[in-house]
Every structure is written in C-alpha cells, then in structure tokens.
Amino acid sequence: MAGMAIISASLFQNCTNNQMDSRKACDDGDVKKCNAVGEMYLNGTGVEKDTKTAGKYFQKACDGGDARGCFNLSEMYNKGSGVESDPKKACELLHKACDGGFMQGCFVLGLNYSIGRGVELDPKKAEELVQKACDSRELSEWCRKMRKSFH
C-alpha cells in the first residue's frame, strides 16, 4: 500500500509539473500549449473545472493563430458554456478554425450553414464546407462511416 501512495504522489507531481510547464509555455507564446491549458480547465483535468478560465486560454490560443483553440472557443459560444451563447460569434470562430486548417471547424461550420445557425442559410456553402472537411485526411474515414450509416 505504501508503494501505491508513492506512485500516486509521483503521478500527481508529474501532472502538476506538466500543468505548470504548459502554463509557462503559454505565457511564453506557445499557443498550442494555451489550447492544452484551456482543455485542462474545460475538462477539469488535474485542475478544478473552470469554463471561464478555459475560455480565456482558448481565446489566447485563437488570437495567436491556433485553429484548434478557435474551434474549442466556438464550441463554448455555441453551447453558452462559460460565455454567453452567441451563435454568430461561434461561426466567426469556426471560420478561423476552418481557415486555419482544423477540418472539424469546416464540418461544423457547414452544418451551421445548412440550418442557418449563426450565419445566413446557404446550402451550397454548407455542402462545400462539409465536402472540404470530408476530403481531408483528418475526417475522411469518419465521413465515410457516416455516409455508410445513412445508406
């Protein structure tokens, strides 16, 4: 039992060190680390769950050009999690995520165009964005499985 306590304490210390390293890297301008810290706060991984703090880190990541950070922040605006729900702002962030190469952003933005959520209804634009996402390596397998489940 004493061995388990040592292992647990060691894992906790490693986790704490990694969090501090990630926060420092973010402060030093590593926007991917800003996104990672945001995800820690959003999910309560090794820290107390705090959506407002998560949003601040996602904003910093997005402002620095991290497409995944823009996507994560868009999800917060879409759901009203830690920020006031704002579908239009969510779509602006999805545009940034998509333009930055994060294909989930393209896919979700396409879905929003297909129903007119946060953007004007535009089935053609919706189809283009979903196709762009599905043509990517990132989502091609997932899209193939989705198409198969509908046939």
Protein backbone atom coordinates (compact mmCIF):
# COMPACT_ATOMS: atom_id res chain seq x y z
CA MET A 1 0.00 0.00 0.00
CA ALA A 2 2.85 2.40 0.76
CA GLY A 3 4.18 1.77 -2.76
CA MET A 4 0.82 2.82 -4.24
CA ALA A 5 0.91 6.07 -2.25
CA ILE A 6 4.38 6.84 -3.61
CA ILE A 7 3.29 6.08 -7.17
CA SER A 8 0.15 8.21 -6.78
CA ALA A 9 2.13 11.09 -5.32
CA SER A 10 4.66 10.78 -8.13
CA LEU A 11 1.95 10.79 -10.81
CA PHE A 12 0.29 13.80 -9.15
CA GLN A 13 3.61 15.65 -9.05
CA ASN A 14 4.26 14.86 -12.74
CA CYS A 15 0.76 16.07 -13.63
CA THR A 16 1.23 19.26 -11.62
CA ASN A 17 4.64 19.88 -13.21
CA ASN A 18 3.18 19.33 -16.70
CA GLN A 19 0.39 21.83 -15.96
CA MET A 20 2.87 24.42 -14.74
CA ASP A 21 5.10 23.78 -17.76
CA SER A 22 2.12 24.18 -20.10
CA ARG A 23 1.01 27.42 -18.45
CA LYS A 24 4.55 28.81 -18.63
CA ALA A 25 4.88 27.77 -22.28
CA CYS A 26 1.57 29.50 -22.99
CA ASP A 27 2.74 32.64 -21.22
CA ASP A 28 5.89 32.46 -23.35
CA GLY A 29 3.80 32.42 -26.55
CA ASP A 30 3.25 28.71 -27.33
CA VAL A 31 -0.37 28.93 -28.49
CA LYS A 32 -0.78 25.14 -28.72
CA LYS A 33 0.02 24.99 -25.01
CA CYS A 34 -2.57 27.72 -24.39
CA ASN A 35 -5.14 25.47 -26.03
CA ALA A 36 -3.93 22.49 -23.96
CA VAL A 37 -4.30 24.50 -20.73
CA GLY A 38 -7.77 25.57 -21.86
CA GLU A 39 -8.70 21.93 -22.36
CA MET A 40 -7.41 21.09 -18.86
CA TYR A 41 -9.71 23.74 -17.36
CA LEU A 42 -12.64 22.84 -19.59
CA ASN A 43 -12.45 19.16 -18.61
CA GLY A 44 -11.16 19.56 -15.05
CA THR A 45 -8.06 17.51 -15.85
CA GLY A 46 -5.65 17.99 -12.97
CA VAL A 47 -7.27 21.33 -12.12
CA GLU A 48 -10.66 22.40 -10.88
CA LYS A 49 -13.06 22.66 -13.80
CA ASP A 50 -13.43 26.32 -14.74
CA THR A 51 -15.05 27.14 -18.08
CA LYS A 52 -14.37 30.89 -17.82
CA THR A 53 -10.65 30.26 -17.40
CA ALA A 54 -10.78 27.69 -20.20
CA GLY A 55 -12.31 30.32 -22.46
CA LYS A 56 -9.55 32.80 -21.68
CA TYR A 57 -6.90 30.25 -22.66
CA PHE A 58 -8.78 29.27 -25.83
CA GLN A 59 -9.07 32.95 -26.74
CA LYS A 60 -5.32 33.40 -26.26
CA ALA A 61 -4.67 30.32 -28.43
CA CYS A 62 -7.06 31.51 -31.14
CA ASP A 63 -5.67 35.06 -31.11
CA GLY A 64 -2.24 33.51 -31.62
CA GLY A 65 -3.41 31.53 -34.67
CA ASP A 66 -4.14 28.11 -33.15
CA ALA A 67 -7.08 26.77 -35.17
CA ARG A 68 -7.99 24.14 -32.57
CA GLY A 69 -8.19 26.90 -29.93
CA CYS A 70 -10.61 28.79 -32.20
CA PHE A 71 -12.71 25.65 -32.59
CA ASN A 72 -12.80 24.99 -28.85
CA LEU A 73 -13.82 28.57 -28.16
CA SER A 74 -16.51 28.35 -30.85
CA GLU A 75 -17.97 25.33 -29.07
CA MET A 76 -18.17 27.34 -25.86
CA TYR A 77 -20.05 30.14 -27.65
CA ASN A 78 -22.28 27.62 -29.38
CA LYS A 79 -23.24 25.95 -26.08
CA GLY A 80 -23.11 29.02 -23.84
CA SER A 81 -20.52 27.29 -21.67
CA GLY A 82 -18.51 29.81 -19.65
CA VAL A 83 -19.59 32.55 -22.04
CA GLU A 84 -22.94 33.88 -23.18
CA SER A 85 -24.36 31.81 -26.04
CA ASP A 86 -23.65 33.58 -29.32
CA PRO A 87 -24.12 31.50 -32.50
CA LYS A 88 -22.82 34.34 -34.71
CA LYS A 89 -19.58 34.61 -32.70
CA ALA A 90 -19.32 30.80 -32.74
CA CYS A 91 -19.45 30.85 -36.55
CA GLU A 92 -16.85 33.61 -36.78
CA LEU A 93 -14.55 31.40 -34.73
CA LEU A 94 -15.41 28.36 -36.85
CA HIS A 95 -14.35 30.34 -39.93
CA LYS A 96 -10.99 30.98 -38.26
CA ALA A 97 -10.66 27.32 -37.31
CA CYS A 98 -11.52 26.16 -40.82
CA ASP A 99 -9.26 28.73 -42.49
CA GLY A 100 -6.51 27.60 -40.11
CA GLY A 101 -6.84 24.02 -41.34
CA PHE A 102 -8.86 22.47 -38.50
CA MET A 103 -11.30 20.39 -40.50
CA GLN A 104 -13.79 19.80 -37.69
CA GLY A 105 -14.29 23.55 -37.84
CA CYS A 106 -15.14 23.32 -41.55
CA PHE A 107 -17.55 20.47 -40.92
CA VAL A 108 -19.41 22.17 -38.05
CA LEU A 109 -19.48 25.48 -39.93
CA GLY A 110 -21.00 23.63 -42.90
CA LEU A 111 -23.68 22.21 -40.63
CA ASN A 112 -24.43 25.72 -39.37
CA TYR A 113 -24.81 26.98 -42.95
CA SER A 114 -27.17 24.08 -43.67
CA ILE A 115 -29.55 25.20 -40.92
CA GLY A 116 -28.82 28.93 -40.82
CA ARG A 117 -27.47 28.93 -37.26
CA GLY A 118 -25.26 31.97 -36.68
CA VAL A 119 -24.96 32.51 -40.42
CA GLU A 120 -27.38 33.02 -43.27
CA LEU A 121 -28.83 29.76 -44.61
CA ASP A 122 -26.69 28.71 -47.59
CA PRO A 123 -27.00 25.06 -48.68
CA LYS A 124 -24.30 25.46 -51.37
CA LYS A 125 -21.78 26.86 -48.88
CA ALA A 126 -22.78 24.13 -46.43
CA GLU A 127 -22.07 21.43 -48.98
CA GLU A 128 -18.71 22.98 -49.94
CA LEU A 129 -17.54 23.14 -46.33
CA VAL A 130 -18.67 19.63 -45.43
CA GLN A 131 -17.05 18.30 -48.60
CA LYS A 132 -13.81 20.15 -47.79
CA ALA A 133 -13.80 18.54 -44.35
CA CYS A 134 -14.62 15.09 -45.68
CA ASP A 135 -11.92 15.33 -48.36
CA SER A 136 -9.31 15.89 -45.66
CA ARG A 137 -7.26 13.07 -44.18
CA GLU A 138 -8.36 14.25 -40.77
CA LEU A 139 -12.05 13.39 -41.30
CA SER A 140 -12.23 11.22 -44.43
CA GLU A 141 -12.67 7.92 -42.56
CA TRP A 142 -15.27 9.37 -40.21
CA CYS A 143 -17.22 10.83 -43.15
CA ARG A 144 -17.07 7.50 -44.99
CA LYS A 145 -18.56 5.75 -41.97
CA MET A 146 -21.27 8.41 -41.63
CA ARG A 147 -22.26 8.09 -45.29
CA LYS A 148 -22.38 4.32 -44.95
CA SER A 149 -24.67 4.56 -41.90
CA PHE A 150 -27.17 6.63 -43.89
CA HIS A 151 -27.40 4.14 -46.78
